[in-house]
Amino acid sequence: MPTFTINYQFESEQRAFAIELDEPDLTRAEAILHLIELHHGDAENSLLMPDAQASEAQIVEQAHVLGITEVSVTAVEA
């Protein structure tokens, strides 16, 4: 399984998150969705998650509202 490193800022603090997936690629929008779930997944208000049909621009905009910015994805060689 490929491992991906997601580098990002959360509330102005530089962070990194590694995730192993059964998928060959991880788009920036998919990575952002994982980060929203990571930081806000236990929130009682499910309205924090973008709509299932949200465009990449809408997902990025929601992430900015939630303090997640400067997201980049790197595949880690096994």
C-alpha atoms as a PDB file:
ATOM      1  CA  MET A   1       0.000   0.000   0.000  1.00  0.00           C
ATOM      2  CA  PRO A   2       1.310   3.442  -0.857  1.00  0.00           C
ATOM      3  CA  THR A   3       2.029   5.888   1.939  1.00  0.00           C
ATOM      4  CA  PHE A   4       1.455   9.600   1.449  1.00  0.00           C
ATOM      5  CA  THR A   5       2.756  12.508   3.503  1.00  0.00           C
ATOM      6  CA  ILE A   6       0.466  15.517   3.712  1.00  0.00           C
ATOM      7  CA  ASN A   7       2.260  18.737   4.691  1.00  0.00           C
ATOM      8  CA  TYR A   8       0.025  21.608   5.744  1.00  0.00           C
ATOM      9  CA  GLN A   9      -0.591  24.445   8.158  1.00  0.00           C
ATOM     10  CA  PHE A  10      -3.255  24.123  10.814  1.00  0.00           C
ATOM     11  CA  GLU A  11      -4.105  27.399  12.505  1.00  0.00           C
ATOM     12  CA  SER A  12      -0.713  28.836  11.417  1.00  0.00           C
ATOM     13  CA  GLU A  13       1.277  25.848  12.746  1.00  0.00           C
ATOM     14  CA  GLN A  14       3.250  23.725  10.257  1.00  0.00           C
ATOM     15  CA  ARG A  15       2.265  20.043  10.459  1.00  0.00           C
ATOM     16  CA  ALA A  16       2.627  16.756   8.598  1.00  0.00           C
ATOM     17  CA  PHE A  17       0.358  13.725   8.488  1.00  0.00           C
ATOM     18  CA  ALA A  18       1.209  10.325   6.991  1.00  0.00           C
ATOM     19  CA  ILE A  19      -1.543   8.105   5.624  1.00  0.00           C
ATOM     20  CA  GLU A  20      -1.435   4.663   4.031  1.00  0.00           C
ATOM     21  CA  LEU A  21      -4.087   3.985   1.391  1.00  0.00           C
ATOM     22  CA  ASP A  22      -5.130   1.250  -1.011  1.00  0.00           C
ATOM     23  CA  GLU A  23      -5.197   3.877  -3.767  1.00  0.00           C
ATOM     24  CA  PRO A  24      -2.269   4.616  -6.121  1.00  0.00           C
ATOM     25  CA  ASP A  25      -2.807   8.401  -5.935  1.00  0.00           C
ATOM     26  CA  LEU A  26      -4.029  10.955  -3.413  1.00  0.00           C
ATOM     27  CA  THR A  27      -5.279  14.244  -4.831  1.00  0.00           C
ATOM     28  CA  ARG A  28      -4.929  17.500  -2.930  1.00  0.00           C
ATOM     29  CA  ALA A  29      -8.727  17.666  -2.467  1.00  0.00           C
ATOM     30  CA  GLU A  30      -8.822  14.115  -1.059  1.00  0.00           C
ATOM     31  CA  ALA A  31      -5.940  14.969   1.274  1.00  0.00           C
ATOM     32  CA  ILE A  32      -7.817  18.036   2.501  1.00  0.00           C
ATOM     33  CA  LEU A  33     -10.889  15.916   3.220  1.00  0.00           C
ATOM     34  CA  HIS A  34      -8.720  13.583   5.325  1.00  0.00           C
ATOM     35  CA  LEU A  35      -7.359  16.597   7.230  1.00  0.00           C
ATOM     36  CA  ILE A  36     -10.835  17.989   7.886  1.00  0.00           C
ATOM     37  CA  GLU A  37     -11.860  14.588   9.253  1.00  0.00           C
ATOM     38  CA  LEU A  38      -8.660  14.416  11.321  1.00  0.00           C
ATOM     39  CA  HIS A  39      -9.141  17.798  12.965  1.00  0.00           C
ATOM     40  CA  HIS A  40     -12.930  18.104  13.000  1.00  0.00           C
ATOM     41  CA  GLY A  41     -14.258  14.552  12.581  1.00  0.00           C
ATOM     42  CA  ASP A  42     -15.534  14.341  16.130  1.00  0.00           C
ATOM     43  CA  ALA A  43     -17.396  17.650  15.876  1.00  0.00           C
ATOM     44  CA  GLU A  44     -21.080  17.398  16.594  1.00  0.00           C
ATOM     45  CA  ASN A  45     -21.865  19.602  13.616  1.00  0.00           C
ATOM     46  CA  SER A  46     -21.579  17.555  10.421  1.00  0.00           C
ATOM     47  CA  LEU A  47     -21.955  20.784   8.435  1.00  0.00           C
ATOM     48  CA  LEU A  48     -18.182  21.244   8.732  1.00  0.00           C
ATOM     49  CA  MET A  49     -17.657  18.597   6.036  1.00  0.00           C
ATOM     50  CA  PRO A  50     -17.996  19.763   2.429  1.00  0.00           C
ATOM     51  CA  ASP A  51     -20.875  18.342   0.405  1.00  0.00           C
ATOM     52  CA  ALA A  52     -20.158  15.032  -1.346  1.00  0.00           C
ATOM     53  CA  GLN A  53     -20.414  16.799  -4.724  1.00  0.00           C
ATOM     54  CA  ALA A  54     -18.212  19.736  -3.687  1.00  0.00           C
ATOM     55  CA  SER A  55     -15.642  20.915  -6.203  1.00  0.00           C
ATOM     56  CA  GLU A  56     -11.959  21.094  -5.314  1.00  0.00           C
ATOM     57  CA  ALA A  57     -12.286  24.875  -4.969  1.00  0.00           C
ATOM     58  CA  GLN A  58     -15.166  24.459  -2.493  1.00  0.00           C
ATOM     59  CA  ILE A  59     -13.181  21.907  -0.479  1.00  0.00           C
ATOM     60  CA  VAL A  60     -10.148  24.230  -0.341  1.00  0.00           C
ATOM     61  CA  GLU A  61     -12.387  27.128   0.705  1.00  0.00           C
ATOM     62  CA  GLN A  62     -13.936  25.081   3.536  1.00  0.00           C
ATOM     63  CA  ALA A  63     -10.469  24.027   4.690  1.00  0.00           C
ATOM     64  CA  HIS A  64      -9.387  27.689   4.864  1.00  0.00           C
ATOM     65  CA  VAL A  65     -12.442  28.473   7.003  1.00  0.00           C
ATOM     66  CA  LEU A  66     -11.404  25.638   9.337  1.00  0.00           C
ATOM     67  CA  GLY A  67      -7.775  26.803   9.569  1.00  0.00           C
ATOM     68  CA  ILE A  68      -6.229  24.254   7.178  1.00  0.00           C
ATOM     69  CA  THR A  69      -3.970  25.870   4.570  1.00  0.00           C
ATOM     70  CA  GLU A  70      -0.872  25.299   2.396  1.00  0.00           C
ATOM     71  CA  VAL A  71      -1.659  21.618   1.724  1.00  0.00           C
ATOM     72  CA  SER A  72       0.771  19.541  -0.333  1.00  0.00           C
ATOM     73  CA  VAL A  73       0.893  15.779  -0.905  1.00  0.00           C
ATOM     74  CA  THR A  74       3.999  13.655  -1.387  1.00  0.00           C
ATOM     75  CA  ALA A  75       4.081   9.932  -2.103  1.00  0.00           C
ATOM     76  CA  VAL A  76       6.586   8.116   0.092  1.00  0.00           C
ATOM     77  CA  GLU A  77       8.580   5.381  -1.619  1.00  0.00           C
ATOM     78  CA  ALA A  78       8.446   2.032   0.144  1.00  0.00           C
END
